[in-house]
Protein backbone atom coordinates (compact mmCIF):
# COMPACT_ATOMS: atom_id res chain seq x y z
CA UNK A 1 0.00 0.00 0.00
CA UNK A 2 1.12 3.56 -0.52
CA UNK A 3 1.64 6.26 2.07
CA UNK A 4 -1.49 8.16 1.04
CA UNK A 5 -3.74 5.13 1.56
CA UNK A 6 -2.33 3.87 4.88
CA UNK A 7 -0.79 6.84 6.79
CA UNK A 8 -3.00 7.45 9.84
CA UNK A 9 -2.44 11.20 9.64
CA UNK A 10 -1.53 11.33 13.33
CA UNK A 11 1.68 12.44 15.07
CA UNK A 12 4.74 10.36 14.11
CA UNK A 13 6.28 9.43 17.47
CA UNK A 14 9.22 7.30 16.40
CA UNK A 15 11.27 6.24 13.40
CA UNK A 16 13.87 3.47 13.41
CA UNK A 17 15.89 3.10 10.20
CA UNK A 18 17.26 -0.34 9.38
CA UNK A 19 21.08 -0.01 9.58
CA UNK A 20 21.43 -2.76 6.96
CA UNK A 21 18.98 -1.13 4.53
CA UNK A 22 18.47 2.64 4.66
CA UNK A 23 15.36 2.25 2.50
CA UNK A 24 13.57 0.34 5.28
CA UNK A 25 12.24 1.79 8.52
CA UNK A 26 9.69 1.23 11.26
CA UNK A 27 7.41 4.14 12.08
CA UNK A 28 5.25 4.55 15.18
CA UNK A 29 2.22 6.81 15.61
CA UNK A 30 0.70 8.44 18.63
CA UNK A 31 -3.02 9.05 18.99
CA UNK A 32 -5.92 6.67 18.74
CA UNK A 33 -7.35 4.65 15.85
CA UNK A 34 -10.76 5.92 16.93
CA UNK A 35 -9.81 9.39 15.65
CA UNK A 36 -8.76 8.03 12.23
CA UNK A 37 -11.04 4.99 11.76
CA UNK A 38 -10.42 4.68 8.02
CA UNK A 39 -6.61 4.59 8.51
CA UNK A 40 -5.89 2.67 11.73
CA UNK A 41 -2.51 1.47 12.93
CA UNK A 42 0.25 2.36 15.37
CA UNK A 43 3.39 0.58 14.10
CA UNK A 44 4.33 0.25 10.44
CA UNK A 45 7.21 -1.27 8.52
CA UNK A 46 7.95 0.96 5.53
CA UNK A 47 10.16 -0.02 2.60
CA UNK A 48 11.03 2.65 0.05
CA UNK A 49 11.80 1.70 -3.54
CA UNK A 50 14.20 4.36 -4.92
CA UNK A 51 13.72 3.14 -8.49
CA UNK A 52 9.96 3.69 -8.56
CA UNK A 53 9.84 6.39 -5.87
CA UNK A 54 7.16 4.48 -3.98
CA UNK A 55 6.98 2.98 -0.52
CA UNK A 56 5.30 -0.17 0.74
CA UNK A 57 3.65 0.16 4.15
CA UNK A 58 2.84 -2.90 6.27
CA UNK A 59 0.84 -2.47 9.47
CA UNK A 60 2.66 -4.33 12.26
CA UNK A 61 0.23 -3.26 15.01
CA UNK A 62 -1.49 -6.66 14.94
CA UNK A 63 -3.14 -7.25 18.36
CA UNK A 64 -1.65 -4.17 20.02
CA UNK A 65 -4.99 -2.52 20.63
CA UNK A 66 -5.84 1.13 20.26
CA UNK A 67 -3.13 2.83 22.30
CA UNK A 68 -0.74 5.62 21.37
CA UNK A 69 2.80 4.41 20.69
CA UNK A 70 5.60 6.73 21.78
CA UNK A 71 8.64 5.09 20.14
CA UNK A 72 9.81 2.05 18.20
CA UNK A 73 13.21 0.33 17.89
CA UNK A 74 14.45 -2.85 16.26
CA UNK A 75 16.89 -5.28 17.84
CA UNK A 76 19.14 -5.78 14.83
CA UNK A 77 20.53 -9.03 16.26
CA UNK A 78 17.24 -10.90 16.82
CA UNK A 79 14.91 -8.95 14.55
CA UNK A 80 12.56 -8.33 17.49
CA UNK A 81 10.68 -5.05 17.47
CA UNK A 82 10.10 -3.03 20.65
CA UNK A 83 7.42 -0.36 21.05
CA UNK A 84 6.80 1.94 23.98
CA UNK A 85 3.49 3.40 25.06
CA UNK A 86 1.73 5.09 27.95
CA UNK A 87 1.43 1.58 29.42
CA UNK A 88 4.99 0.28 29.18
CA UNK A 89 7.18 -1.50 26.66
CA UNK A 90 6.00 -4.23 24.29
CA UNK A 91 7.88 -6.70 22.12
CA UNK A 92 7.06 -8.29 18.79
CA UNK A 93 9.24 -11.36 18.28
CA UNK A 94 10.73 -11.68 14.83
CA UNK A 95 8.20 -13.41 12.56
CA UNK A 96 5.41 -13.23 15.16
CA UNK A 97 2.08 -11.44 14.92
CA UNK A 98 1.31 -11.00 18.63
CA UNK A 99 2.74 -8.29 20.86
CA UNK A 100 3.77 -9.22 24.41
CA UNK A 101 5.08 -7.32 27.42
CA UNK A 102 8.80 -6.79 26.79
CA UNK A 103 9.84 -8.32 30.12
CA UNK A 104 8.53 -8.84 33.63
CA UNK A 105 9.43 -5.94 35.90
CA UNK A 106 9.50 -3.28 33.19
CA UNK A 107 7.54 -0.14 34.17
CA UNK A 108 3.84 0.02 33.36
CA UNK A 109 3.91 3.78 32.88
CA UNK A 110 4.47 6.22 30.03
CA UNK A 111 7.72 5.33 28.31
CA UNK A 112 8.65 8.28 26.13
CA UNK A 113 11.67 6.79 24.40
CA UNK A 114 13.62 3.62 23.70
CA UNK A 115 17.29 3.16 22.88
CA UNK A 116 19.13 -0.07 22.09
CA UNK A 117 22.88 -0.26 22.54
CA UNK A 118 23.60 -3.14 20.14
CA UNK A 119 27.14 -3.99 21.21
CA UNK A 120 26.06 -4.16 24.84
CA UNK A 121 22.75 -6.00 24.19
CA UNK A 122 20.85 -3.47 26.32
CA UNK A 123 17.57 -1.65 25.84
CA UNK A 124 17.00 1.57 27.77
CA UNK A 125 13.48 2.82 28.42
CA UNK A 126 13.00 6.45 29.46
CA UNK A 127 9.88 6.87 31.57
CA UNK A 128 7.84 9.82 32.71
CA UNK A 129 8.49 10.10 36.43
CA UNK A 130 10.25 6.80 37.12
CA UNK A 131 13.65 7.43 35.51
CA UNK A 132 15.33 5.19 32.96
CA UNK A 133 15.00 1.41 33.00
CA UNK A 134 17.39 -1.18 31.61
CA UNK A 135 16.50 -4.45 29.92
CA UNK A 136 19.29 -6.88 29.07
CA UNK A 137 18.43 -8.29 25.66
CA UNK A 138 18.64 -12.01 24.90
């Protein structure tokens, strides 16, 4: 699908560019599907084709529900995708279609940003009011 037919038209809250392919990225959106019912979705995988000048958008929200997403990052080692929200951090295992809580003990509060330090295998989650949290990646 093209951008014009799938873009929810809400605030872009995160972009993670694939380091192995600069024409591929994951984009997260804030806001609620209820405000854009004809273009739902919170996490998309976007692949740009420089030859045709078009992009393919794939909704990766799956069973996430209608909650604003504040950031998105990819674990380049495992291919797992992490998304933060007002309710914590979620994980989409590579090849899966169901989001799960990233890990027991992670905060269930607004997480404004995510950062993965690949060489250290660590994910940092910046919260609103509870500081930064660390998750050691598998």
